[in-house]
Amino acid sequence: FSYRHGFHAGNHADVLKHLVLVATLRHLLLKEGPILCVDTHAGAGLYRLDSEETAVSGEAADGIMPLWQARNPAAPPPACEALKDYLDVISAFNSGERLRVYPGSPLILHHLMRPGHDRLRLFELHPSDSRALAGHVDQLRAGRGVAMSRQAGLEG
């Protein structure tokens, strides 16, 4: 349990991983049939960028923050459609111009999936993160579309 994602939320690796995730899922959603997304290391699912955890490393300052500050909602979309989609997803979790909340992979997946059509399976073993994730999943009111287990994802 030495790795806690909350300390690293929004870092440069998150930006790359989530940008690729958004682009890949957008492509998969072009097919009509339902899809099943599985997150084997789901973490807490949602992170406050003004929390004590994220302040410890400050990694978001070199990750999502420069992209967030450089975006201009009034300007034409960036040349990279995936980057626009990624920033739009993050915007959906924040009100106003200030970036306070950073969604992890589980909430990004849920946000993009088609309700009542696609399914999401989440695994998280860490006790604190698992409880936080369960709370976030409950708030989604996704019903049977999202299932969560407190167990090692690769074993599950």
Protein backbone atom coordinates (compact mmCIF):
# COMPACT_ATOMS: atom_id res chain seq x y z
CA PHE A 1 0.00 0.00 0.00
CA SER A 2 2.90 2.38 -0.50
CA TYR A 3 1.34 4.13 -3.51
CA ARG A 4 -1.57 6.52 -2.94
CA HIS A 5 -2.77 8.18 -6.10
CA GLY A 6 -4.06 11.24 -4.24
CA PHE A 7 -0.47 12.38 -3.72
CA HIS A 8 0.17 12.30 -7.48
CA ALA A 9 -3.21 13.31 -8.97
CA GLY A 10 -2.93 15.49 -12.04
CA ASN A 11 0.78 14.88 -12.59
CA HIS A 12 2.32 14.60 -16.06
CA ALA A 13 1.80 10.82 -16.13
CA ASP A 14 -1.91 11.30 -15.32
CA VAL A 15 -2.24 13.81 -18.12
CA LEU A 16 -0.74 11.43 -20.66
CA LYS A 17 -2.65 8.38 -19.35
CA HIS A 18 -6.00 10.17 -19.21
CA LEU A 19 -5.53 11.87 -22.59
CA VAL A 20 -4.92 8.44 -24.17
CA LEU A 21 -7.84 6.99 -22.19
CA VAL A 22 -10.25 9.66 -23.46
CA ALA A 23 -9.10 9.25 -27.08
CA THR A 24 -9.31 5.44 -26.89
CA LEU A 25 -12.73 5.40 -25.27
CA ARG A 26 -14.10 7.95 -27.76
CA HIS A 27 -12.98 5.60 -30.53
CA LEU A 28 -14.48 2.51 -28.86
CA LEU A 29 -17.78 4.31 -28.35
CA LEU A 30 -18.18 4.66 -32.12
CA LYS A 31 -19.37 1.06 -32.20
CA GLU A 32 -23.03 0.46 -31.45
CA GLY A 33 -22.64 -2.51 -29.12
CA PRO A 34 -22.13 -2.11 -25.40
CA ILE A 35 -18.63 -2.05 -23.95
CA LEU A 36 -17.22 -3.14 -20.60
CA CYS A 37 -14.46 -1.01 -19.11
CA VAL A 38 -12.33 -2.47 -16.31
CA ASP A 39 -10.10 -0.39 -14.05
CA THR A 40 -7.83 -2.71 -12.06
CA HIS A 41 -6.29 0.05 -9.92
CA ALA A 42 -9.14 2.53 -9.60
CA GLY A 43 -7.89 4.62 -6.66
CA ALA A 44 -10.35 7.01 -5.03
CA GLY A 45 -11.74 8.14 -8.39
CA LEU A 46 -11.83 11.87 -7.66
CA TYR A 47 -9.20 14.16 -6.15
CA ARG A 48 -9.11 17.65 -4.69
CA LEU A 49 -6.14 19.53 -6.09
CA ASP A 50 -6.21 21.85 -3.08
CA SER A 51 -5.94 18.98 -0.56
CA GLU A 52 -3.05 18.27 1.78
CA GLU A 53 -2.26 15.11 -0.18
CA THR A 54 -1.75 16.88 -3.50
CA ALA A 55 0.13 19.73 -1.82
CA VAL A 56 2.76 17.28 -0.51
CA SER A 57 4.15 16.56 -3.97
CA GLY A 58 2.77 19.50 -5.94
CA GLU A 59 2.97 17.33 -9.07
CA ALA A 60 -0.17 18.78 -10.64
CA ALA A 61 1.71 22.07 -11.05
CA ASP A 62 3.81 20.45 -13.79
CA GLY A 63 1.00 18.26 -15.12
CA ILE A 64 -2.59 19.40 -15.58
CA MET A 65 -2.18 22.99 -14.37
CA PRO A 66 -0.21 24.35 -17.36
CA LEU A 67 -2.72 22.79 -19.78
CA TRP A 68 -5.67 24.11 -17.77
CA GLN A 69 -4.23 27.62 -17.60
CA ALA A 70 -3.36 27.66 -21.31
CA ARG A 71 -6.83 26.67 -22.45
CA ASN A 72 -9.16 29.39 -23.62
CA PRO A 73 -12.84 28.42 -23.78
CA ALA A 74 -13.54 31.32 -26.16
CA ALA A 75 -10.83 30.27 -28.61
CA PRO A 76 -11.23 27.66 -31.34
CA PRO A 77 -10.61 24.08 -30.15
CA PRO A 78 -7.00 22.89 -30.07
CA ALA A 79 -5.69 21.09 -33.12
CA CYS A 80 -5.67 17.87 -31.11
CA GLU A 81 -9.31 16.80 -30.69
CA ALA A 82 -8.31 14.37 -27.95
CA LEU A 83 -6.83 17.23 -25.92
CA LYS A 84 -10.06 19.21 -26.30
CA ASP A 85 -12.10 16.17 -25.21
CA TYR A 86 -9.82 15.61 -22.22
CA LEU A 87 -10.08 19.23 -21.06
CA ASP A 88 -13.85 19.16 -21.62
CA VAL A 89 -14.15 16.11 -19.34
CA ILE A 90 -12.12 17.83 -16.61
CA SER A 91 -14.24 20.98 -17.05
CA ALA A 92 -17.38 18.93 -16.39
CA PHE A 93 -16.12 18.24 -12.86
CA ASN A 94 -15.29 21.90 -12.13
CA SER A 95 -17.39 25.02 -12.07
CA GLY A 96 -15.86 28.30 -13.09
CA GLU A 97 -12.33 28.87 -14.24
CA ARG A 98 -10.47 27.49 -11.23
CA LEU A 99 -9.38 23.85 -11.37
CA ARG A 100 -10.17 22.33 -7.97
CA VAL A 101 -11.19 18.75 -8.72
CA TYR A 102 -9.34 16.23 -10.83
CA PRO A 103 -11.23 13.11 -11.97
CA GLY A 104 -9.39 9.82 -11.97
CA SER A 105 -9.87 7.09 -14.55
CA PRO A 106 -13.08 5.66 -13.00
CA LEU A 107 -14.96 8.96 -13.20
CA ILE A 108 -13.53 9.81 -16.61
CA LEU A 109 -14.75 6.45 -17.90
CA HIS A 110 -18.16 6.86 -16.32
CA HIS A 111 -18.52 10.39 -17.67
CA LEU A 112 -17.91 9.25 -21.25
CA MET A 113 -19.85 5.98 -21.19
CA ARG A 114 -23.39 5.67 -22.49
CA PRO A 115 -25.82 5.34 -19.56
CA GLY A 116 -27.79 2.10 -19.53
CA HIS A 117 -25.66 0.73 -22.35
CA ASP A 118 -22.04 0.37 -21.25
CA ARG A 119 -20.69 -1.09 -18.02
CA LEU A 120 -17.79 -0.24 -15.72
CA ARG A 121 -16.01 -2.63 -13.35
CA LEU A 122 -13.73 -1.06 -10.72
CA PHE A 123 -11.18 -2.66 -8.41
CA GLU A 124 -9.36 -0.97 -5.53
CA LEU A 125 -7.58 -2.75 -2.69
CA HIS A 126 -6.42 0.14 -0.50
CA PRO A 127 -8.91 0.52 2.40
CA SER A 128 -9.10 4.35 2.40
CA ASP A 129 -9.18 4.72 -1.35
CA SER A 130 -11.72 1.91 -1.65
CA ARG A 131 -14.07 3.68 0.79
CA ALA A 132 -13.65 6.98 -1.05
CA LEU A 133 -14.27 5.29 -4.39
CA ALA A 134 -17.41 3.60 -3.04
CA GLY A 135 -18.72 7.02 -1.97
CA HIS A 136 -18.00 8.52 -5.37
CA VAL A 137 -19.65 5.57 -7.13
CA ASP A 138 -22.73 5.96 -4.92
CA GLN A 139 -22.99 9.62 -5.94
CA LEU A 140 -23.02 8.58 -9.60
CA ARG A 141 -26.33 6.76 -9.10
CA ALA A 142 -25.25 4.48 -11.92
CA GLY A 143 -27.07 1.40 -10.70
CA ARG A 144 -25.90 -1.86 -12.19
CA GLY A 145 -23.83 -0.02 -14.79
CA VAL A 146 -20.95 0.32 -12.31
CA ALA A 147 -19.69 -2.46 -10.07
CA MET A 148 -16.91 -2.03 -7.53
CA SER A 149 -14.84 -4.55 -5.57
CA ARG A 150 -12.34 -4.04 -2.77
CA GLN A 151 -9.77 -6.49 -4.05
CA ALA A 152 -6.63 -6.65 -6.14
CA GLY A 153 -7.75 -5.88 -9.68
CA LEU A 154 -5.57 -8.36 -11.49
CA GLU A 155 -6.84 -11.12 -9.22
CA GLY A 156 -10.45 -9.98 -9.72
